[in-house]
Protein backbone atom coordinates (compact mmCIF):
# COMPACT_ATOMS: atom_id res chain seq x y z
CA MET A 1 144.69 97.31 85.51
CA PHE A 2 145.49 100.66 83.85
CA LEU A 3 146.52 100.98 80.19
CA GLY A 4 148.28 104.30 80.52
CA PHE A 5 147.48 107.94 80.16
CA GLN A 6 144.94 109.34 77.71
CA VAL A 7 143.89 112.93 77.07
CA PHE A 8 140.29 114.04 77.48
CA THR A 9 139.30 117.43 76.00
CA ILE A 10 136.46 119.55 77.39
CA LEU A 11 134.99 122.92 76.49
CA THR A 12 135.13 125.26 79.48
CA SER A 13 132.53 127.86 80.37
CA SER A 14 134.82 130.58 78.99
CA GLY A 15 134.71 128.94 75.55
CA ARG A 16 138.26 127.59 75.67
CA PHE A 17 139.30 123.98 75.40
CA SER A 18 140.93 122.28 78.37
CA HIS A 19 142.75 118.98 78.38
CA ILE A 20 142.53 116.43 81.19
CA LYS A 21 145.12 113.69 81.46
CA TYR A 22 143.77 110.46 82.98
CA ARG A 23 144.64 106.80 83.28
CA ARG A 24 142.36 104.49 81.32
CA LEU A 25 141.32 101.01 82.45
CA GLU A 26 142.04 98.05 80.21
CA ARG A 27 139.03 97.23 78.05
CA ASP A 28 138.34 93.81 79.54
CA THR A 29 139.08 94.78 83.13
CA THR A 30 136.21 95.08 85.54
CA VAL A 31 136.56 97.28 88.56
CA PHE A 32 135.91 94.33 90.87
CA SER A 33 137.45 90.89 91.11
CA PRO A 34 135.35 87.71 90.75
CA GLU A 35 135.70 87.16 94.51
CA MET A 36 133.99 90.47 95.20
CA MET A 37 131.28 89.66 92.70
CA GLU A 38 130.62 86.38 94.54
CA ARG A 39 130.25 88.28 97.80
CA GLY A 40 127.60 90.47 96.22
CA VAL A 41 129.69 93.63 95.83
CA TYR A 42 128.94 94.90 92.33
CA THR A 43 129.26 98.67 92.33
CA VAL A 44 130.73 101.45 94.35
CA LYS A 45 128.40 104.37 94.94
CA LEU A 46 130.19 107.60 94.20
CA MET A 47 128.59 110.97 94.97
CA VAL A 48 129.70 114.09 93.12
CA LEU A 49 128.53 117.21 94.95
CA ASP A 50 128.57 120.67 93.38
CA GLY A 51 126.62 123.90 93.40
CA GLN A 52 126.04 127.06 91.41
CA GLY A 53 126.44 126.03 87.72
CA GLY A 54 127.72 122.49 88.33
CA GLY A 55 130.78 122.95 86.11
CA ILE A 56 133.30 121.34 88.47
CA GLY A 57 130.97 118.38 89.08
CA ALA A 58 130.30 117.91 85.37
CA THR A 59 134.02 117.94 84.60
CA LEU A 60 134.65 115.38 87.35
CA ILE A 61 131.91 113.07 86.05
CA LYS A 62 133.20 113.27 82.45
CA GLY A 63 136.70 112.40 83.66
CA LEU A 64 135.45 109.52 85.80
CA ARG A 65 133.38 108.05 82.96
CA ALA A 66 136.23 108.41 80.47
CA SER A 67 138.74 106.77 82.81
CA LEU A 68 136.77 104.22 84.82
CA GLY A 69 133.89 103.44 82.50
CA LEU A 70 130.37 102.42 83.40
CA ASP A 71 131.13 100.13 86.36
CA LEU A 72 130.67 102.97 88.83
CA GLU A 73 127.34 104.23 90.04
CA ILE A 74 127.76 108.01 89.99
CA LEU A 75 125.18 110.06 91.85
CA ALA A 76 125.04 113.76 90.96
CA LEU A 77 123.97 115.89 93.91
CA GLY A 78 123.57 119.59 93.35
CA THR A 79 122.72 122.39 95.70
CA ASN A 80 120.34 123.51 92.94
CA SER A 81 118.64 121.95 89.93
CA ILE A 82 120.90 123.67 87.39
CA ALA A 83 124.01 122.08 88.90
CA THR A 84 122.31 118.67 89.05
CA SER A 85 121.10 118.92 85.46
CA ARG A 86 124.56 119.77 84.17
CA MET A 87 126.09 116.82 86.05
CA MET A 88 123.39 114.47 84.75
CA LYS A 89 124.19 115.54 81.18
CA ALA A 90 127.85 114.74 81.90
CA GLY A 91 126.99 111.08 82.55
CA ALA A 92 125.77 110.55 86.11
CA ASN A 93 123.46 107.59 86.74
CA ARG A 94 121.06 109.44 89.04
CA GLY A 95 120.73 112.90 90.48
CA GLY A 96 119.14 114.89 93.25
CA SER A 97 118.92 118.52 94.25
CA GLY A 98 118.67 120.39 97.50
CA GLU A 99 119.43 119.98 101.16
CA ASN A 100 117.39 116.88 101.93
CA ALA A 101 118.72 114.93 98.94
CA ILE A 102 122.31 115.75 99.89
CA VAL A 103 121.89 115.01 103.62
CA HIS A 104 120.10 111.72 102.85
CA THR A 105 122.58 110.53 100.21
CA CYS A 106 125.78 111.37 102.12
CA GLN A 107 125.10 108.49 104.50
CA ARG A 108 124.56 105.95 101.68
CA VAL A 109 127.61 106.35 99.45
CA ASP A 110 131.18 105.02 99.48
CA VAL A 111 133.00 108.07 98.09
CA ILE A 112 132.14 111.79 98.03
CA ILE A 113 133.88 114.09 95.55
CA GLY A 114 133.58 117.85 95.27
CA PRO A 115 135.29 121.17 95.86
CA VAL A 116 136.70 121.75 99.34
CA SER A 117 133.87 124.20 100.01
CA ILE A 118 131.42 121.29 100.43
CA LEU A 119 132.75 121.09 103.99
CA MET A 120 132.06 124.79 104.71
CA ALA A 121 128.69 126.00 105.96
CA ASN A 122 127.19 128.80 103.84
CA ALA A 123 129.76 128.29 101.06
CA MET A 124 128.96 128.75 97.37
CA MET A 125 127.26 132.09 98.03
CA GLY A 126 125.07 130.51 100.71
CA GLU A 127 123.88 127.56 98.60
CA LEU A 128 125.62 125.02 100.83
CA THR A 129 123.70 124.98 104.11
CA PRO A 130 125.17 124.07 107.51
CA LYS A 131 123.21 120.77 107.41
CA MET A 132 124.78 119.87 104.06
CA ALA A 133 128.31 120.64 105.28
CA THR A 134 127.71 118.62 108.46
CA ALA A 135 126.33 115.67 106.48
CA VAL A 136 129.38 115.61 104.21
CA GLY A 137 131.82 116.02 107.09
CA THR A 138 130.25 113.32 109.28
CA SER A 139 129.68 110.82 106.48
CA SER A 140 131.70 107.61 106.74
CA ALA A 141 132.40 107.83 102.99
CA LYS A 142 135.91 108.54 101.75
CA LYS A 143 136.15 112.14 100.61
CA ILE A 144 138.12 113.50 97.68
CA LEU A 145 138.20 117.28 97.78
CA ILE A 146 139.24 119.57 94.94
CA PRO A 147 141.12 122.55 96.44
CA LEU A 148 139.13 125.20 94.59
CA THR A 149 137.05 127.69 96.51
CA GLN A 150 135.71 131.20 96.17
CA GLU A 151 135.53 131.46 99.94
CA LYS A 152 138.06 133.40 101.97
CA VAL A 153 140.05 130.26 102.72
CA ARG A 154 143.64 129.46 101.86
CA ILE A 155 145.04 125.95 102.19
CA VAL A 156 148.71 125.77 103.11
CA GLY A 157 150.97 123.44 101.16
CA LEU A 158 149.03 123.37 97.90
CA SER A 159 150.26 124.63 94.58
CA ARG A 160 147.74 126.34 92.33
CA GLU A 161 146.90 124.05 89.46
CA PRO A 162 144.25 124.39 86.76
CA LEU A 163 141.00 122.43 87.05
CA PRO A 164 141.93 119.78 84.44
CA HIS A 165 145.03 118.79 86.44
CA LEU A 166 143.01 118.62 89.66
CA VAL A 167 140.30 116.51 88.00
CA SER A 168 142.95 114.14 86.68
CA GLN A 169 144.37 113.73 90.18
CA ALA A 170 140.88 113.16 91.63
CA VAL A 171 140.08 110.51 89.00
CA ASN A 172 143.36 108.75 89.77
CA MET A 173 142.51 108.82 93.49
CA VAL A 174 139.15 107.21 92.80
CA GLY A 175 140.95 104.48 90.84
CA GLU A 176 143.27 103.89 93.80
CA ILE A 177 140.31 103.75 96.22
CA LEU A 178 138.59 101.21 93.97
CA GLN A 179 141.72 99.06 93.96
CA GLU A 180 141.92 99.28 97.78
CA MET A 181 138.27 98.32 98.12
CA ASP A 182 138.78 95.42 95.72
CA GLN A 183 141.74 94.24 97.77
CA TYR A 184 140.20 94.48 101.24
CA VAL A 185 136.53 93.60 100.69
């Protein structure tokens, strides 16, 4: 299903170029098998949640689009309109901003991706409300969390890696989840 690794280059907010290594799907490969298509399963809804400037979310969406193509429905949910706008420019299908949009959407997606702080009430300088954190935590969606946070939290057992490496790992995890869903649905 995967061709191999490709390199995706992005311009970071500091004005430097960063390189993301990702696995690319074969050109003629669809994310879902014909059997799934017959059962009416056409797309996986993936929610990318970010706040403040939306840089992590935008980088995730660019990596997902570059690796997995247009078969995914990517929903950009931001704690504010600036974050949502930046993620929409990166290639999301639809977007929403604010507490109600996030709480409502968490219950209707298959996968949620974002920084680990999306599980912490009052994270992102207070932008992430307790209701948002509860909605993400209680959602039945699979969660892929990027271990980056400005909060006073340390996660044991993780090595510090730059954002491009973390995004590459997250994109690969989404690919694995898609293969699992294809296999078991």
